[in-house]
Structures are given as C-alpha cells and as structure tokens.
C-alpha cells in the first residue's frame, strides 16, 4: 500500500538490488513495478 510510496520517497539508491518478497496482491505489484520503470533495480 502507501508504505511502498513512503519508502521510495526517501530511497534514492538505484544500484542496490531490491527484492520485494511475499507480494500478496496485484495492486501492490503494479505499484512496485511503477518504481522499477523509474530505474530502480527491483525484483518481485
């Protein structure tokens, strides 16, 4: 939910690999993927 946005509001590190585990719903997934499109090194 909103905690994803809150985390990325202070996270400017696009190098470290971020793995979002135990994703429980597609809404959270889409929000996480939107930050991946911004250049963050994200895995789901």
ModelCIF file with pLDDT and N, C-alpha, C, O atoms, coordinates in Angstrom:
data_MODEL
#
_entry.id   MODEL 
#
_entity.id                         1 
_entity.type                       polymer 
_entity.pdbx_number_of_molecules   1 
#
_entity_poly.entity_id                      1 
_entity_poly.type                           'polypeptide(L)' 
_entity_poly.nstd_linkage                   no 
_entity_poly.nstd_monomer                   no 
_entity_poly.pdbx_seq_one_letter_code       
;(UNK)(UNK)(UNK)(UNK)(UNK)(UNK)(UNK)(UNK)(UNK)(UNK)(UNK)(UNK)(UNK)(UNK)(UNK)(UNK)
(UNK)(UNK)(UNK)(UNK)(UNK)(UNK)(UNK)(UNK)(UNK)(UNK)(UNK)(UNK)(UNK)(UNK)(UNK)(UNK)
(UNK)(UNK)(UNK)(UNK)(UNK)(UNK)(UNK)(UNK)(UNK)(UNK)(UNK)(UNK)
;
_entity_poly.pdbx_seq_one_letter_code_can   XXXXXXXXXXXXXXXXXXXXXXXXXXXXXXXXXXXXXXXXXXXX 
_entity_poly.pdbx_strand_id                 A 
#
loop_
_entity_poly_seq.entity_id 
_entity_poly_seq.num 
_entity_poly_seq.mon_id 
_entity_poly_seq.hetero 
1 1  UNK n 
1 2  UNK n 
1 3  UNK n 
1 4  UNK n 
1 5  UNK n 
1 6  UNK n 
1 7  UNK n 
1 8  UNK n 
1 9  UNK n 
1 10 UNK n 
1 11 UNK n 
1 12 UNK n 
1 13 UNK n 
1 14 UNK n 
1 15 UNK n 
1 16 UNK n 
1 17 UNK n 
1 18 UNK n 
1 19 UNK n 
1 20 UNK n 
1 21 UNK n 
1 22 UNK n 
1 23 UNK n 
1 24 UNK n 
1 25 UNK n 
1 26 UNK n 
1 27 UNK n 
1 28 UNK n 
1 29 UNK n 
1 30 UNK n 
1 31 UNK n 
1 32 UNK n 
1 33 UNK n 
1 34 UNK n 
1 35 UNK n 
1 36 UNK n 
1 37 UNK n 
1 38 UNK n 
1 39 UNK n 
1 40 UNK n 
1 41 UNK n 
1 42 UNK n 
1 43 UNK n 
1 44 UNK n 
#
_struct_asym.id          A 
_struct_asym.entity_id   1 
#
loop_
_ma_qa_metric.id 
_ma_qa_metric.mode 
_ma_qa_metric.name 
_ma_qa_metric.software_group_id 
_ma_qa_metric.type 
1 global pLDDT . pLDDT 
2 local  pLDDT . pLDDT 
#
_ma_qa_metric_global.metric_id      1 
_ma_qa_metric_global.metric_value   94.30 
_ma_qa_metric_global.model_id       1 
_ma_qa_metric_global.ordinal_id     1 
#
loop_
_ma_qa_metric_local.label_asym_id 
_ma_qa_metric_local.label_comp_id 
_ma_qa_metric_local.label_seq_id 
_ma_qa_metric_local.metric_id 
_ma_qa_metric_local.metric_value 
_ma_qa_metric_local.model_id 
_ma_qa_metric_local.ordinal_id 
A UNK 1  2 90.00 1 1  
A UNK 2  2 89.00 1 2  
A UNK 3  2 90.00 1 3  
A UNK 4  2 93.00 1 4  
A UNK 5  2 92.00 1 5  
A UNK 6  2 89.00 1 6  
A UNK 7  2 91.00 1 7  
A UNK 8  2 93.00 1 8  
A UNK 9  2 88.00 1 9  
A UNK 10 2 87.00 1 10 
A UNK 11 2 89.00 1 11 
A UNK 12 2 87.00 1 12 
A UNK 13 2 89.00 1 13 
A UNK 14 2 93.00 1 14 
A UNK 15 2 92.00 1 15 
A UNK 16 2 93.00 1 16 
A UNK 17 2 95.00 1 17 
A UNK 18 2 96.00 1 18 
A UNK 19 2 97.00 1 19 
A UNK 20 2 97.00 1 20 
A UNK 21 2 96.00 1 21 
A UNK 22 2 95.00 1 22 
A UNK 23 2 97.00 1 23 
A UNK 24 2 96.00 1 24 
A UNK 25 2 96.00 1 25 
A UNK 26 2 96.00 1 26 
A UNK 27 2 96.00 1 27 
A UNK 28 2 97.00 1 28 
A UNK 29 2 98.00 1 29 
A UNK 30 2 97.00 1 30 
A UNK 31 2 97.00 1 31 
A UNK 32 2 97.00 1 32 
A UNK 33 2 98.00 1 33 
A UNK 34 2 97.00 1 34 
A UNK 35 2 97.00 1 35 
A UNK 36 2 97.00 1 36 
A UNK 37 2 96.00 1 37 
A UNK 38 2 96.00 1 38 
A UNK 39 2 96.00 1 39 
A UNK 40 2 96.00 1 40 
A UNK 41 2 96.00 1 41 
A UNK 42 2 97.00 1 42 
A UNK 43 2 97.00 1 43 
A UNK 44 2 98.00 1 44 
#
loop_
_atom_site.group_PDB 
_atom_site.id 
_atom_site.type_symbol 
_atom_site.label_atom_id 
_atom_site.label_alt_id 
_atom_site.label_comp_id 
_atom_site.label_asym_id 
_atom_site.label_entity_id 
_atom_site.label_seq_id 
_atom_site.pdbx_PDB_ins_code 
_atom_site.Cartn_x 
_atom_site.Cartn_y 
_atom_site.Cartn_z 
_atom_site.occupancy 
_atom_site.B_iso_or_equiv 
_atom_site.pdbx_formal_charge 
_atom_site.auth_seq_id 
_atom_site.auth_comp_id 
_atom_site.auth_asym_id 
_atom_site.auth_atom_id 
_atom_site.pdbx_PDB_model_num 
ATOM 1   N N  . UNK A 1 1  ? 0.795  -1.218  0.000   1.00 90.00 ? 1  UNK A N  1 
ATOM 2   C CA . UNK A 1 1  ? 0.000  0.000   0.000   1.00 90.00 ? 1  UNK A CA 1 
ATOM 3   C C  . UNK A 1 1  ? 0.834  1.279   0.000   1.00 90.00 ? 1  UNK A C  1 
ATOM 4   O O  . UNK A 1 1  ? 1.803  1.407   -0.748  1.00 90.00 ? 1  UNK A O  1 
ATOM 5   N N  . UNK A 1 2  ? 0.433  2.226   0.861   1.00 89.00 ? 2  UNK A N  1 
ATOM 6   C CA . UNK A 1 2  ? 1.086  3.531   0.929   1.00 89.00 ? 2  UNK A CA 1 
ATOM 7   C C  . UNK A 1 2  ? 2.523  3.422   1.420   1.00 89.00 ? 2  UNK A C  1 
ATOM 8   O O  . UNK A 1 2  ? 3.342  4.288   1.113   1.00 89.00 ? 2  UNK A O  1 
ATOM 9   N N  . UNK A 1 3  ? 2.848  2.369   2.181   1.00 90.00 ? 3  UNK A N  1 
ATOM 10  C CA . UNK A 1 3  ? 4.208  2.204   2.699   1.00 90.00 ? 3  UNK A CA 1 
ATOM 11  C C  . UNK A 1 3  ? 5.230  2.069   1.567   1.00 90.00 ? 3  UNK A C  1 
ATOM 12  O O  . UNK A 1 3  ? 6.391  2.438   1.739   1.00 90.00 ? 3  UNK A O  1 
ATOM 13  N N  . UNK A 1 4  ? 4.815  1.552   0.434   1.00 93.00 ? 4  UNK A N  1 
ATOM 14  C CA . UNK A 1 4  ? 5.716  1.453   -0.720  1.00 93.00 ? 4  UNK A CA 1 
ATOM 15  C C  . UNK A 1 4  ? 6.115  2.847   -1.184  1.00 93.00 ? 4  UNK A C  1 
ATOM 16  O O  . UNK A 1 4  ? 7.294  3.119   -1.414  1.00 93.00 ? 4  UNK A O  1 
ATOM 17  N N  . UNK A 1 5  ? 5.131  3.727   -1.320  1.00 92.00 ? 5  UNK A N  1 
ATOM 18  C CA . UNK A 1 5  ? 5.419  5.104   -1.727  1.00 92.00 ? 5  UNK A CA 1 
ATOM 19  C C  . UNK A 1 5  ? 6.276  5.814   -0.679  1.00 92.00 ? 5  UNK A C  1 
ATOM 20  O O  . UNK A 1 5  ? 7.174  6.581   -1.026  1.00 92.00 ? 5  UNK A O  1 
ATOM 21  N N  . UNK A 1 6  ? 6.001  5.559   0.597   1.00 89.00 ? 6  UNK A N  1 
ATOM 22  C CA . UNK A 1 6  ? 6.752  6.200   1.672   1.00 89.00 ? 6  UNK A CA 1 
ATOM 23  C C  . UNK A 1 6  ? 8.227  5.785   1.626   1.00 89.00 ? 6  UNK A C  1 
ATOM 24  O O  . UNK A 1 6  ? 9.119  6.605   1.845   1.00 89.00 ? 6  UNK A O  1 
ATOM 25  N N  . UNK A 1 7  ? 8.470  4.508   1.341   1.00 91.00 ? 7  UNK A N  1 
ATOM 26  C CA . UNK A 1 7  ? 9.853  4.036   1.251   1.00 91.00 ? 7  UNK A CA 1 
ATOM 27  C C  . UNK A 1 7  ? 10.588 4.721   0.103   1.00 91.00 ? 7  UNK A C  1 
ATOM 28  O O  . UNK A 1 7  ? 11.708 5.200   0.280   1.00 91.00 ? 7  UNK A O  1 
ATOM 29  N N  . UNK A 1 8  ? 9.971  4.768   -1.053  1.00 93.00 ? 8  UNK A N  1 
ATOM 30  C CA . UNK A 1 8  ? 10.651 5.354   -2.219  1.00 93.00 ? 8  UNK A CA 1 
ATOM 31  C C  . UNK A 1 8  ? 10.726 6.882   -2.151  1.00 93.00 ? 8  UNK A C  1 
ATOM 32  O O  . UNK A 1 8  ? 11.430 7.504   -2.946  1.00 93.00 ? 8  UNK A O  1 
ATOM 33  N N  . UNK A 1 9  ? 10.009 7.480   -1.214  1.00 88.00 ? 9  UNK A N  1 
ATOM 34  C CA . UNK A 1 9  ? 10.118 8.926   -1.042  1.00 88.00 ? 9  UNK A CA 1 
ATOM 35  C C  . UNK A 1 9  ? 11.473 9.322   -0.464  1.00 88.00 ? 9  UNK A C  1 
ATOM 36  O O  . UNK A 1 9  ? 11.912 10.461  -0.628  1.00 88.00 ? 9  UNK A O  1 
ATOM 37  N N  . UNK A 1 10 ? 12.141 8.379   0.217   1.00 87.00 ? 10 UNK A N  1 
ATOM 38  C CA . UNK A 1 10 ? 13.474 8.670   0.768   1.00 87.00 ? 10 UNK A CA 1 
ATOM 39  C C  . UNK A 1 10 ? 14.563 7.812   0.130   1.00 87.00 ? 10 UNK A C  1 
ATOM 40  O O  . UNK A 1 10 ? 15.749 8.075   0.332   1.00 87.00 ? 10 UNK A O  1 
ATOM 41  N N  . UNK A 1 11 ? 14.183 6.805   -0.627  1.00 89.00 ? 11 UNK A N  1 
ATOM 42  C CA . UNK A 1 11 ? 15.176 5.918   -1.255  1.00 89.00 ? 11 UNK A CA 1 
ATOM 43  C C  . UNK A 1 11 ? 15.582 6.484   -2.610  1.00 89.00 ? 11 UNK A C  1 
ATOM 44  O O  . UNK A 1 11 ? 14.771 6.588   -3.531  1.00 89.00 ? 11 UNK A O  1 
ATOM 45  N N  . UNK A 1 12 ? 16.861 6.847   -2.707  1.00 87.00 ? 12 UNK A N  1 
ATOM 46  C CA . UNK A 1 12 ? 17.371 7.337   -3.992  1.00 87.00 ? 12 UNK A CA 1 
ATOM 47  C C  . UNK A 1 12 ? 18.435 6.408   -4.561  1.00 87.00 ? 12 UNK A C  1 
ATOM 48  O O  . UNK A 1 12 ? 19.140 6.765   -5.505  1.00 87.00 ? 12 UNK A O  1 
ATOM 49  N N  . UNK A 1 13 ? 18.550 5.211   -3.982  1.00 89.00 ? 13 UNK A N  1 
ATOM 50  C CA . UNK A 1 13 ? 19.567 4.249   -4.397  1.00 89.00 ? 13 UNK A CA 1 
ATOM 51  C C  . UNK A 1 13 ? 19.003 3.380   -5.520  1.00 89.00 ? 13 UNK A C  1 
ATOM 52  O O  . UNK A 1 13 ? 18.133 2.541   -5.287  1.00 89.00 ? 13 UNK A O  1 
ATOM 53  N N  . UNK A 1 14 ? 19.498 3.584   -6.722  1.00 93.00 ? 14 UNK A N  1 
ATOM 54  C CA . UNK A 1 14 ? 19.026 2.801   -7.864  1.00 93.00 ? 14 UNK A CA 1 
ATOM 55  C C  . UNK A 1 14 ? 20.008 1.704   -8.260  1.00 93.00 ? 14 UNK A C  1 
ATOM 56  O O  . UNK A 1 14 ? 19.826 1.043   -9.283  1.00 93.00 ? 14 UNK A O  1 
ATOM 57  N N  . UNK A 1 15 ? 21.061 1.510   -7.440  1.00 92.00 ? 15 UNK A N  1 
ATOM 58  C CA . UNK A 1 15 ? 22.062 0.495   -7.735  1.00 92.00 ? 15 UNK A CA 1 
ATOM 59  C C  . UNK A 1 15 ? 21.802 -0.808  -6.981  1.00 92.00 ? 15 UNK A C  1 
ATOM 60  O O  . UNK A 1 15 ? 21.856 -1.891  -7.563  1.00 92.00 ? 15 UNK A O  1 
ATOM 61  N N  . UNK A 1 16 ? 21.518 -0.696  -5.673  1.00 93.00 ? 16 UNK A N  1 
ATOM 62  C CA . UNK A 1 16 ? 21.302 -1.887  -4.854  1.00 93.00 ? 16 UNK A CA 1 
ATOM 63  C C  . UNK A 1 16 ? 20.072 -2.655  -5.333  1.00 93.00 ? 16 UNK A C  1 
ATOM 64  O O  . UNK A 1 16 ? 19.033 -2.067  -5.637  1.00 93.00 ? 16 UNK A O  1 
ATOM 65  N N  . UNK A 1 17 ? 20.209 -3.967  -5.395  1.00 95.00 ? 17 UNK A N  1 
ATOM 66  C CA . UNK A 1 17 ? 19.098 -4.816  -5.830  1.00 95.00 ? 17 UNK A CA 1 
ATOM 67  C C  . UNK A 1 17 ? 18.058 -4.895  -4.718  1.00 95.00 ? 17 UNK A C  1 
ATOM 68  O O  . UNK A 1 17 ? 18.370 -5.313  -3.603  1.00 95.00 ? 17 UNK A O  1 
ATOM 69  N N  . UNK A 1 18 ? 16.834 -4.499  -5.016  1.00 96.00 ? 18 UNK A N  1 
ATOM 70  C CA . UNK A 1 18 ? 15.723 -4.541  -4.059  1.00 96.00 ? 18 UNK A CA 1 
ATOM 71  C C  . UNK A 1 18 ? 14.780 -5.670  -4.456  1.00 96.00 ? 18 UNK A C  1 
ATOM 72  O O  . UNK A 1 18 ? 14.256 -5.684  -5.569  1.00 96.00 ? 18 UNK A O  1 
ATOM 73  N N  . UNK A 1 19 ? 14.567 -6.608  -3.554  1.00 97.00 ? 19 UNK A N  1 
ATOM 74  C CA . UNK A 1 19 ? 13.662 -7.731  -3.815  1.00 97.00 ? 19 UNK A CA 1 
ATOM 75  C C  . UNK A 1 19 ? 12.447 -7.589  -2.922  1.00 97.00 ? 19 UNK A C  1 
ATOM 76  O O  . UNK A 1 19 ? 12.552 -7.680  -1.699  1.00 97.00 ? 19 UNK A O  1 
ATOM 77  N N  . UNK A 1 20 ? 11.310 -7.371  -3.523  1.00 97.00 ? 20 UNK A N  1 
ATOM 78  C CA . UNK A 1 20 ? 10.052 -7.303  -2.772  1.00 97.00 ? 20 UNK A CA 1 
ATOM 79  C C  . UNK A 1 20 ? 9.461  -8.715  -2.723  1.00 97.00 ? 20 UNK A C  1 
ATOM 80  O O  . UNK A 1 20 ? 9.011  -9.250  -3.736  1.00 97.00 ? 20 UNK A O  1 
ATOM 81  N N  . UNK A 1 21 ? 9.473  -9.302  -1.529  1.00 96.00 ? 21 UNK A N  1 
ATOM 82  C CA . UNK A 1 21 ? 9.045  -10.700 -1.378  1.00 96.00 ? 21 UNK A CA 1 
ATOM 83  C C  . UNK A 1 21 ? 7.626  -10.771 -0.800  1.00 96.00 ? 21 UNK A C  1 
ATOM 84  O O  . UNK A 1 21 ? 7.113  -9.796  -0.250  1.00 96.00 ? 21 UNK A O  1 
ATOM 85  N N  . UNK A 1 22 ? 7.021  -11.926 -0.936  1.00 95.00 ? 22 UNK A N  1 
ATOM 86  C CA . UNK A 1 22 ? 5.676  -12.192 -0.402  1.00 95.00 ? 22 UNK A CA 1 
ATOM 87  C C  . UNK A 1 22 ? 4.669  -11.127 -0.831  1.00 95.00 ? 22 UNK A C  1 
ATOM 88  O O  . UNK A 1 22 ? 3.901  -10.619 -0.013  1.00 95.00 ? 22 UNK A O  1 
ATOM 89  N N  . UNK A 1 23 ? 4.681  -10.799 -2.112  1.00 97.00 ? 23 UNK A N  1 
ATOM 90  C CA . UNK A 1 23 ? 3.659  -9.887  -2.644  1.00 97.00 ? 23 UNK A CA 1 
ATOM 91  C C  . UNK A 1 23 ? 2.321  -10.612 -2.618  1.00 97.00 ? 23 UNK A C  1 
ATOM 92  O O  . UNK A 1 23 ? 2.201  -11.720 -3.142  1.00 97.00 ? 23 UNK A O  1 
ATOM 93  N N  . UNK A 1 24 ? 1.319  -9.992  -2.011  1.00 96.00 ? 24 UNK A N  1 
ATOM 94  C CA . UNK A 1 24 ? 0.056  -10.689 -1.777  1.00 96.00 ? 24 UNK A CA 1 
ATOM 95  C C  . UNK A 1 24 ? -1.056 -10.299 -2.746  1.00 96.00 ? 24 UNK A C  1 
ATOM 96  O O  . UNK A 1 24 ? -2.073 -10.988 -2.820  1.00 96.00 ? 24 UNK A O  1 
ATOM 97  N N  . UNK A 1 25 ? -0.881 -9.200  -3.494  1.00 96.00 ? 25 UNK A N  1 
ATOM 98  C CA . UNK A 1 25 ? -1.957 -8.789  -4.394  1.00 96.00 ? 25 UNK A CA 1 
ATOM 99  C C  . UNK A 1 25 ? -1.388 -8.020  -5.578  1.00 96.00 ? 25 UNK A C  1 
ATOM 100 O O  . UNK A 1 25 ? -0.260 -7.529  -5.529  1.00 96.00 ? 25 UNK A O  1 
ATOM 101 N N  . UNK A 1 26 ? -2.169 -7.922  -6.626  1.00 96.00 ? 26 UNK A N  1 
ATOM 102 C CA . UNK A 1 26 ? -1.711 -7.327  -7.875  1.00 96.00 ? 26 UNK A CA 1 
ATOM 103 C C  . UNK A 1 26 ? -1.593 -5.807  -7.775  1.00 96.00 ? 26 UNK A C  1 
ATOM 104 O O  . UNK A 1 26 ? -0.843 -5.202  -8.542  1.00 96.00 ? 26 UNK A O  1 
ATOM 105 N N  . UNK A 1 27 ? -2.318 -5.175  -6.846  1.00 96.00 ? 27 UNK A N  1 
ATOM 106 C CA . UNK A 1 27 ? -2.222 -3.715  -6.701  1.00 96.00 ? 27 UNK A CA 1 
ATOM 107 C C  . UNK A 1 27 ? -0.843 -3.304  -6.189  1.00 96.00 ? 27 UNK A C  1 
ATOM 108 O O  . UNK A 1 27 ? -0.229 -2.373  -6.711  1.00 96.00 ? 27 UNK A O  1 
ATOM 109 N N  . UNK A 1 28 ? -0.362 -4.010  -5.158  1.00 97.00 ? 28 UNK A N  1 
ATOM 110 C CA . UNK A 1 28 ? 0.984  -3.749  -4.661  1.00 97.00 ? 28 UNK A CA 1 
ATOM 111 C C  . UNK A 1 28 ? 2.018  -4.034  -5.741  1.00 97.00 ? 28 UNK A C  1 
ATOM 112 O O  . UNK A 1 28 ? 2.992  -3.296  -5.886  1.00 97.00 ? 28 UNK A O  1 
ATOM 113 N N  . UNK A 1 29 ? 1.805  -5.099  -6.494  1.00 98.00 ? 29 UNK A N  1 
ATOM 114 C CA . UNK A 1 29 ? 2.742  -5.469  -7.556  1.00 98.00 ? 29 UNK A CA 1 
ATOM 115 C C  . UNK A 1 29 ? 2.855  -4.359  -8.591  1.00 98.00 ? 29 UNK A C  1 
ATOM 116 O O  . UNK A 1 29 ? 3.963  -3.986  -8.978  1.00 98.00 ? 29 UNK A O  1 
ATOM 117 N N  . UNK A 1 30 ? 1.734  -3.832  -9.039  1.00 97.00 ? 30 UNK A N  1 
ATOM 118 C CA . UNK A 1 30 ? 1.760  -2.775  -10.049 1.00 97.00 ? 30 UNK A CA 1 
ATOM 119 C C  . UNK A 1 30 ? 2.445  -1.520  -9.527  1.00 97.00 ? 30 UNK A C  1 
ATOM 120 O O  . UNK A 1 30 ? 3.156  -0.841  -10.268 1.00 97.00 ? 30 UNK A O  1 
ATOM 121 N N  . UNK A 1 31 ? 2.230  -1.212  -8.249  1.00 97.00 ? 31 UNK A N  1 
ATOM 122 C CA . UNK A 1 31 ? 2.879  -0.035  -7.665  1.00 97.00 ? 31 UNK A CA 1 
ATOM 123 C C  . UNK A 1 31 ? 4.388  -0.229  -7.612  1.00 97.00 ? 31 UNK A C  1 
ATOM 124 O O  . UNK A 1 31 ? 5.146  0.690   -7.922  1.00 97.00 ? 31 UNK A O  1 
ATOM 125 N N  . UNK A 1 32 ? 4.826  -1.419  -7.222  1.00 97.00 ? 32 UNK A N  1 
ATOM 126 C CA . UNK A 1 32 ? 6.267  -1.716  -7.175  1.00 97.00 ? 32 UNK A CA 1 
ATOM 127 C C  . UNK A 1 32 ? 6.869  -1.644  -8.572  1.00 97.00 ? 32 UNK A C  1 
ATOM 128 O O  . UNK A 1 32 ? 7.960  -1.102  -8.752  1.00 97.00 ? 32 UNK A O  1 
ATOM 129 N N  . UNK A 1 33 ? 6.161  -2.190  -9.564  1.00 98.00 ? 33 UNK A N  1 
ATOM 130 C CA . UNK A 1 33 ? 6.675  -2.175  -10.938 1.00 98.00 ? 33 UNK A CA 1 
ATOM 131 C C  . UNK A 1 33 ? 6.746  -0.761  -11.509 1.00 98.00 ? 33 UNK A C  1 
ATOM 132 O O  . UNK A 1 33 ? 7.563  -0.484  -12.388 1.00 98.00 ? 33 UNK A O  1 
ATOM 133 N N  . UNK A 1 34 ? 5.893  0.130   -11.011 1.00 97.00 ? 34 UNK A N  1 
ATOM 134 C CA . UNK A 1 34 ? 5.960  1.520   -11.489 1.00 97.00 ? 34 UNK A CA 1 
ATOM 135 C C  . UNK A 1 34 ? 7.273  2.172   -11.081 1.00 97.00 ? 34 UNK A C  1 
ATOM 136 O O  . UNK A 1 34 ? 7.799  3.014   -11.809 1.00 97.00 ? 34 UNK A O  1 
ATOM 137 N N  . UNK A 1 35 ? 7.810  1.788   -9.918  1.00 97.00 ? 35 UNK A N  1 
ATOM 138 C CA . UNK A 1 35 ? 9.112  2.314   -9.498  1.00 97.00 ? 35 UNK A CA 1 
ATOM 139 C C  . UNK A 1 35 ? 10.245 1.622   -10.247 1.00 97.00 ? 35 UNK A C  1 
ATOM 140 O O  . UNK A 1 35 ? 11.311 2.206   -10.441 1.00 97.00 ? 35 UNK A O  1 
ATOM 141 N N  . UNK A 1 36 ? 10.021 0.401   -10.661 1.00 97.00 ? 36 UNK A N  1 
ATOM 142 C CA . UNK A 1 36 ? 11.028 -0.274  -11.488 1.00 97.00 ? 36 UNK A CA 1 
ATOM 143 C C  . UNK A 1 36 ? 11.188 0.452   -12.817 1.00 97.00 ? 36 UNK A C  1 
ATOM 144 O O  . UNK A 1 36 ? 12.297 0.553   -13.341 1.00 97.00 ? 36 UNK A O  1 
ATOM 145 N N  . UNK A 1 37 ? 10.085 0.958   -13.361 1.00 96.00 ? 37 UNK A N  1 
ATOM 146 C CA . UNK A 1 37 ? 10.142 1.699   -14.620 1.00 96.00 ? 37 UNK A CA 1 
ATOM 147 C C  . UNK A 1 37 ? 10.903 3.014   -14.474 1.00 96.00 ? 37 UNK A C  1 
ATOM 148 O O  . UNK A 1 37 ? 11.408 3.568   -15.451 1.00 96.00 ? 37 UNK A O  1 
ATOM 149 N N  . UNK A 1 38 ? 10.976 3.503   -13.235 1.00 96.00 ? 38 UNK A N  1 
ATOM 150 C CA . UNK A 1 38 ? 11.721 4.738   -12.980 1.00 96.00 ? 38 UNK A CA 1 
ATOM 151 C C  . UNK A 1 38 ? 13.221 4.498   -12.860 1.00 96.00 ? 38 UNK A C  1 
ATOM 152 O O  . UNK A 1 38 ? 13.994 5.442   -12.695 1.00 96.00 ? 38 UNK A O  1 
ATOM 153 N N  . UNK A 1 39 ? 13.636 3.220   -12.945 1.00 96.00 ? 39 UNK A N  1 
ATOM 154 C CA . UNK A 1 39 ? 15.063 2.929   -12.942 1.00 96.00 ? 39 UNK A CA 1 
ATOM 155 C C  . UNK A 1 39 ? 15.586 2.244   -11.703 1.00 96.00 ? 39 UNK A C  1 
ATOM 156 O O  . UNK A 1 39 ? 16.785 1.976   -11.619 1.00 96.00 ? 39 UNK A O  1 
ATOM 157 N N  . UNK A 1 40 ? 14.731 1.949   -10.732 1.00 96.00 ? 40 UNK A N  1 
ATOM 158 C CA . UNK A 1 40 ? 15.177 1.232   -9.546  1.00 96.00 ? 40 UNK A CA 1 
ATOM 159 C C  . UNK A 1 40 ? 15.434 -0.233  -9.894  1.00 96.00 ? 40 UNK A C  1 
ATOM 160 O O  . UNK A 1 40 ? 14.733 -0.824  -10.715 1.00 96.00 ? 40 UNK A O  1 
ATOM 161 N N  . UNK A 1 41 ? 16.452 -0.804  -9.252  1.00 96.00 ? 41 UNK A N  1 
ATOM 162 C CA . UNK A 1 41 ? 16.862 -2.190  -9.506  1.00 96.00 ? 41 UNK A CA 1 
ATOM 163 C C  . UNK A 1 41 ? 15.986 -3.124  -8.671  1.00 96.00 ? 41 UNK A C  1 
ATOM 164 O O  . UNK A 1 41 ? 16.376 -3.548  -7.583  1.00 96.00 ? 41 UNK A O  1 
ATOM 165 N N  . UNK A 1 42 ? 14.818 -3.434  -9.182  1.00 97.00 ? 42 UNK A N  1 
ATOM 166 C CA . UNK A 1 42 ? 13.787 -4.141  -8.410  1.00 97.00 ? 42 UNK A CA 1 
ATOM 167 C C  . UNK A 1 42 ? 13.518 -5.525  -8.985  1.00 97.00 ? 42 UNK A C  1 
ATOM 168 O O  . UNK A 1 42 ? 13.469 -5.712  -10.200 1.00 97.00 ? 42 UNK A O  1 
ATOM 169 N N  . UNK A 1 43 ? 13.344 -6.497  -8.078  1.00 97.00 ? 43 UNK A N  1 
ATOM 170 C CA . UNK A 1 43 ? 12.868 -7.831  -8.431  1.00 97.00 ? 43 UNK A CA 1 
ATOM 171 C C  . UNK A 1 43 ? 11.641 -8.134  -7.581  1.00 97.00 ? 43 UNK A C  1 
ATOM 172 O O  . UNK A 1 43 ? 11.513 -7.639  -6.462  1.00 97.00 ? 43 UNK A O  1 
ATOM 173 N N  . UNK A 1 44 ? 10.742 -8.949  -8.119  1.00 98.00 ? 44 UNK A N  1 
ATOM 174 C CA . UNK A 1 44 ? 9.480  -9.235  -7.424  1.00 98.00 ? 44 UNK A CA 1 
ATOM 175 C C  . UNK A 1 44 ? 9.356  -10.717 -7.125  1.00 98.00 ? 44 UNK A C  1 
ATOM 176 O O  . UNK A 1 44 ? 8.360  -11.148 -6.544  1.00 98.00 ? 44 UNK A O  1 
#
